[in-house]
Amino acid sequence: MPKPRTTRTVYIAGQRWKLRRAKLNRKYGDCDYATRTIRIDERISGIELLDTLIHELVHARWPDLHEQAVIEFSNIAAEVLDAERFRRPEDQEE
């Protein structure tokens, strides 16, 4: 089985960003504006992955948004998407 790609290109508000899965220490994700790189810890999955991905995407799009607003939005969005069963095909339950 081929190894999953760890870096992909995404576009956020017309800007090209790198989205990378990597082993991070003491955090689930981060957003580097200088290099336009979002990193998500490769060890998380499920709703934690979804929440973290949304969180970092919001930071990339709206860098001046207050941290508490980013946390609240990402939590709500992840919970709703999870409840609606939005998942990667390999994560689908039978």
C-alpha atoms as a PDB file:
ATOM      1  CA  MET A   1       0.000   0.000   0.000  1.00  0.00           C
ATOM      2  CA  PRO A   2       1.437   3.425  -0.925  1.00  0.00           C
ATOM      3  CA  LYS A   3       2.367   5.789   1.866  1.00  0.00           C
ATOM      4  CA  PRO A   4      -0.195   8.620   2.284  1.00  0.00           C
ATOM      5  CA  ARG A   5       0.931  12.003   1.059  1.00  0.00           C
ATOM      6  CA  THR A   6       2.046  14.171   3.965  1.00  0.00           C
ATOM      7  CA  THR A   7       2.044  17.526   2.144  1.00  0.00           C
ATOM      8  CA  ARG A   8      -0.556  18.949  -0.189  1.00  0.00           C
ATOM      9  CA  THR A   9      -1.350  22.350  -1.659  1.00  0.00           C
ATOM     10  CA  VAL A  10      -4.540  24.173  -0.685  1.00  0.00           C
ATOM     11  CA  TYR A  11      -5.833  27.598  -1.635  1.00  0.00           C
ATOM     12  CA  ILE A  12      -7.150  29.909   1.071  1.00  0.00           C
ATOM     13  CA  ALA A  13      -8.622  33.234  -0.090  1.00  0.00           C
ATOM     14  CA  GLY A  14      -6.698  32.901  -3.333  1.00  0.00           C
ATOM     15  CA  GLN A  15      -3.367  32.274  -1.630  1.00  0.00           C
ATOM     16  CA  ARG A  16      -1.423  29.070  -2.087  1.00  0.00           C
ATOM     17  CA  TRP A  17      -0.691  27.287   1.219  1.00  0.00           C
ATOM     18  CA  LYS A  18       1.026  24.025   2.094  1.00  0.00           C
ATOM     19  CA  LEU A  19      -0.922  21.662   4.329  1.00  0.00           C
ATOM     20  CA  ARG A  20       1.466  19.246   5.997  1.00  0.00           C
ATOM     21  CA  ARG A  21       1.015  16.316   8.384  1.00  0.00           C
ATOM     22  CA  ALA A  22       4.008  16.071  10.739  1.00  0.00           C
ATOM     23  CA  LYS A  23       4.912  14.956  14.228  1.00  0.00           C
ATOM     24  CA  LEU A  24       4.481  18.023  16.442  1.00  0.00           C
ATOM     25  CA  ASN A  25       5.439  18.482  20.062  1.00  0.00           C
ATOM     26  CA  ARG A  26       2.803  19.640  22.563  1.00  0.00           C
ATOM     27  CA  LYS A  27       0.298  20.964  20.030  1.00  0.00           C
ATOM     28  CA  TYR A  28      -2.141  19.609  17.484  1.00  0.00           C
ATOM     29  CA  GLY A  29      -1.420  22.144  14.742  1.00  0.00           C
ATOM     30  CA  ASP A  30       0.087  25.460  13.791  1.00  0.00           C
ATOM     31  CA  CYS A  31      -0.116  28.091  11.084  1.00  0.00           C
ATOM     32  CA  ASP A  32       3.011  29.816   9.730  1.00  0.00           C
ATOM     33  CA  TYR A  33       2.085  32.961   7.794  1.00  0.00           C
ATOM     34  CA  ALA A  34       5.639  33.634   6.574  1.00  0.00           C
ATOM     35  CA  THR A  35       5.841  30.312   4.710  1.00  0.00           C
ATOM     36  CA  ARG A  36       2.076  29.877   4.255  1.00  0.00           C
ATOM     37  CA  THR A  37       2.272  26.461   5.857  1.00  0.00           C
ATOM     38  CA  ILE A  38      -0.282  24.743   8.068  1.00  0.00           C
ATOM     39  CA  ARG A  39       1.003  21.757  10.016  1.00  0.00           C
ATOM     40  CA  ILE A  40      -1.276  19.184  11.637  1.00  0.00           C
ATOM     41  CA  ASP A  41       0.049  16.512  13.980  1.00  0.00           C
ATOM     42  CA  GLU A  42       0.169  13.201  12.116  1.00  0.00           C
ATOM     43  CA  ARG A  43      -0.887  11.257  15.216  1.00  0.00           C
ATOM     44  CA  ILE A  44      -4.377  12.744  15.544  1.00  0.00           C
ATOM     45  CA  SER A  45      -7.462  11.537  13.721  1.00  0.00           C
ATOM     46  CA  GLY A  46     -11.233  11.666  13.825  1.00  0.00           C
ATOM     47  CA  ILE A  47     -12.908  14.681  15.370  1.00  0.00           C
ATOM     48  CA  GLU A  48      -9.576  15.961  16.800  1.00  0.00           C
ATOM     49  CA  LEU A  49      -8.158  16.081  13.270  1.00  0.00           C
ATOM     50  CA  LEU A  50     -11.276  17.758  11.919  1.00  0.00           C
ATOM     51  CA  ASP A  51     -11.337  20.354  14.717  1.00  0.00           C
ATOM     52  CA  THR A  52      -7.624  21.117  14.324  1.00  0.00           C
ATOM     53  CA  LEU A  53      -7.822  21.410  10.554  1.00  0.00           C
ATOM     54  CA  ILE A  54     -10.755  23.835  10.769  1.00  0.00           C
ATOM     55  CA  HIS A  55      -8.975  25.791  13.522  1.00  0.00           C
ATOM     56  CA  GLU A  56      -5.798  26.271  11.483  1.00  0.00           C
ATOM     57  CA  LEU A  57      -7.709  27.074   8.273  1.00  0.00           C
ATOM     58  CA  VAL A  58      -9.589  29.828  10.112  1.00  0.00           C
ATOM     59  CA  HIS A  59      -6.274  31.219  11.404  1.00  0.00           C
ATOM     60  CA  ALA A  60      -4.872  31.209   7.859  1.00  0.00           C
ATOM     61  CA  ARG A  61      -7.898  33.019   6.446  1.00  0.00           C
ATOM     62  CA  TRP A  62      -8.494  35.476   9.285  1.00  0.00           C
ATOM     63  CA  PRO A  63      -5.166  35.956  11.136  1.00  0.00           C
ATOM     64  CA  ASP A  64      -6.499  38.797  13.315  1.00  0.00           C
ATOM     65  CA  LEU A  65      -9.488  36.858  14.637  1.00  0.00           C
ATOM     66  CA  HIS A  66      -9.417  36.462  18.416  1.00  0.00           C
ATOM     67  CA  GLU A  67      -8.223  33.003  19.538  1.00  0.00           C
ATOM     68  CA  GLN A  68     -11.393  32.331  21.552  1.00  0.00           C
ATOM     69  CA  ALA A  69     -13.556  32.921  18.455  1.00  0.00           C
ATOM     70  CA  VAL A  70     -11.368  30.535  16.435  1.00  0.00           C
ATOM     71  CA  ILE A  71     -11.671  27.867  19.151  1.00  0.00           C
ATOM     72  CA  GLU A  72     -15.435  28.240  19.458  1.00  0.00           C
ATOM     73  CA  PHE A  73     -16.017  28.156  15.704  1.00  0.00           C
ATOM     74  CA  SER A  74     -13.754  25.177  15.060  1.00  0.00           C
ATOM     75  CA  ASN A  75     -15.342  23.205  17.912  1.00  0.00           C
ATOM     76  CA  ILE A  76     -18.873  23.889  16.656  1.00  0.00           C
ATOM     77  CA  ALA A  77     -18.020  23.183  13.006  1.00  0.00           C
ATOM     78  CA  ALA A  78     -16.219  19.913  13.856  1.00  0.00           C
ATOM     79  CA  GLU A  79     -19.100  18.709  16.048  1.00  0.00           C
ATOM     80  CA  VAL A  80     -21.704  19.480  13.367  1.00  0.00           C
ATOM     81  CA  LEU A  81     -19.690  17.889  10.564  1.00  0.00           C
ATOM     82  CA  ASP A  82     -19.041  14.832  12.723  1.00  0.00           C
ATOM     83  CA  ALA A  83     -22.731  14.547  13.667  1.00  0.00           C
ATOM     84  CA  GLU A  84     -23.632  14.784   9.972  1.00  0.00           C
ATOM     85  CA  ARG A  85     -21.120  11.982   9.336  1.00  0.00           C
ATOM     86  CA  PHE A  86     -18.782  13.935   7.034  1.00  0.00           C
ATOM     87  CA  ARG A  87     -15.754  11.665   6.968  1.00  0.00           C
ATOM     88  CA  ARG A  88     -13.026  10.480   4.653  1.00  0.00           C
ATOM     89  CA  PRO A  89     -14.090   7.356   2.746  1.00  0.00           C
ATOM     90  CA  GLU A  90     -11.585   5.186   4.645  1.00  0.00           C
ATOM     91  CA  ASP A  91     -13.108   6.365   7.962  1.00  0.00           C
ATOM     92  CA  GLN A  92     -16.702   5.462   7.032  1.00  0.00           C
ATOM     93  CA  GLU A  93     -18.468   3.037   9.326  1.00  0.00           C
ATOM     94  CA  GLU A  94     -20.342   0.136   7.817  1.00  0.00           C
END
